[in-house]
Amino acid sequence: MAWAAHQMRQVYTDYHVGIDPRDITLDEIRFFYMPLVESLCELQRQAQKAKKR
């Protein structure tokens, strides 16, 4: 379940969700998190390129 905690933190960081963290469901975490995946992957690619320089 560590993945859910990471996703939840990302959701709350990016969206400032008005749901109490104790009440958010896995479906809600996925709903908010999935649109972030592409941009998070791009950030990781950029960070890896910067390390190689």
Protein backbone atom coordinates (compact mmCIF):
# COMPACT_ATOMS: atom_id res chain seq x y z
CA MET A 1 0.00 0.00 0.00
CA ALA A 2 3.04 2.29 -0.05
CA TRP A 3 2.16 3.22 -3.64
CA ALA A 4 -1.20 4.57 -2.49
CA ALA A 5 0.46 6.79 0.11
CA HIS A 6 2.84 8.21 -2.52
CA GLN A 7 -0.02 8.81 -4.93
CA MET A 8 -2.15 10.39 -2.20
CA ARG A 9 0.64 12.82 -1.28
CA GLN A 10 1.03 13.78 -4.94
CA VAL A 11 -2.72 14.31 -5.30
CA TYR A 12 -2.89 16.52 -2.22
CA THR A 13 0.21 18.46 -3.32
CA ASP A 14 -1.05 19.13 -6.85
CA TYR A 15 -4.79 19.49 -6.32
CA HIS A 16 -5.29 20.61 -2.71
CA VAL A 17 -8.18 18.17 -2.54
CA GLY A 18 -10.93 19.12 -0.11
CA ILE A 19 -11.30 15.53 1.12
CA ASP A 20 -10.06 14.59 4.56
CA PRO A 21 -7.05 12.27 3.98
CA ARG A 22 -8.61 9.74 6.36
CA ASP A 23 -11.70 9.55 4.16
CA ILE A 24 -10.26 9.43 0.62
CA THR A 25 -10.81 6.14 -1.19
CA LEU A 26 -8.40 4.30 -3.49
CA ASP A 27 -10.75 5.01 -6.40
CA GLU A 28 -10.58 8.74 -5.64
CA ILE A 29 -6.79 8.62 -5.39
CA ARG A 30 -6.61 6.92 -8.79
CA PHE A 31 -9.13 9.39 -10.27
CA PHE A 32 -6.98 12.38 -9.29
CA TYR A 33 -3.59 10.71 -9.83
CA MET A 34 -3.97 9.20 -13.29
CA PRO A 35 -3.95 12.57 -15.14
CA LEU A 36 -0.63 13.36 -13.40
CA VAL A 37 1.23 10.26 -14.60
CA GLU A 38 2.39 11.62 -17.98
CA SER A 39 3.74 14.88 -16.53
CA LEU A 40 5.42 13.04 -13.62
CA CYS A 41 7.13 10.69 -16.07
CA GLU A 42 8.35 13.66 -18.09
CA LEU A 43 9.76 15.28 -14.95
CA GLN A 44 11.62 12.07 -14.16
CA ARG A 45 13.05 11.90 -17.70
CA GLN A 46 14.26 15.49 -17.43
CA ALA A 47 15.85 14.81 -14.05
CA GLN A 48 17.67 11.76 -15.44
CA LYS A 49 18.96 13.78 -18.42
CA ALA A 50 20.20 16.49 -16.07
CA LYS A 51 22.10 13.90 -14.00
CA LYS A 52 23.89 12.62 -17.11
CA ARG A 53 25.27 16.08 -17.92
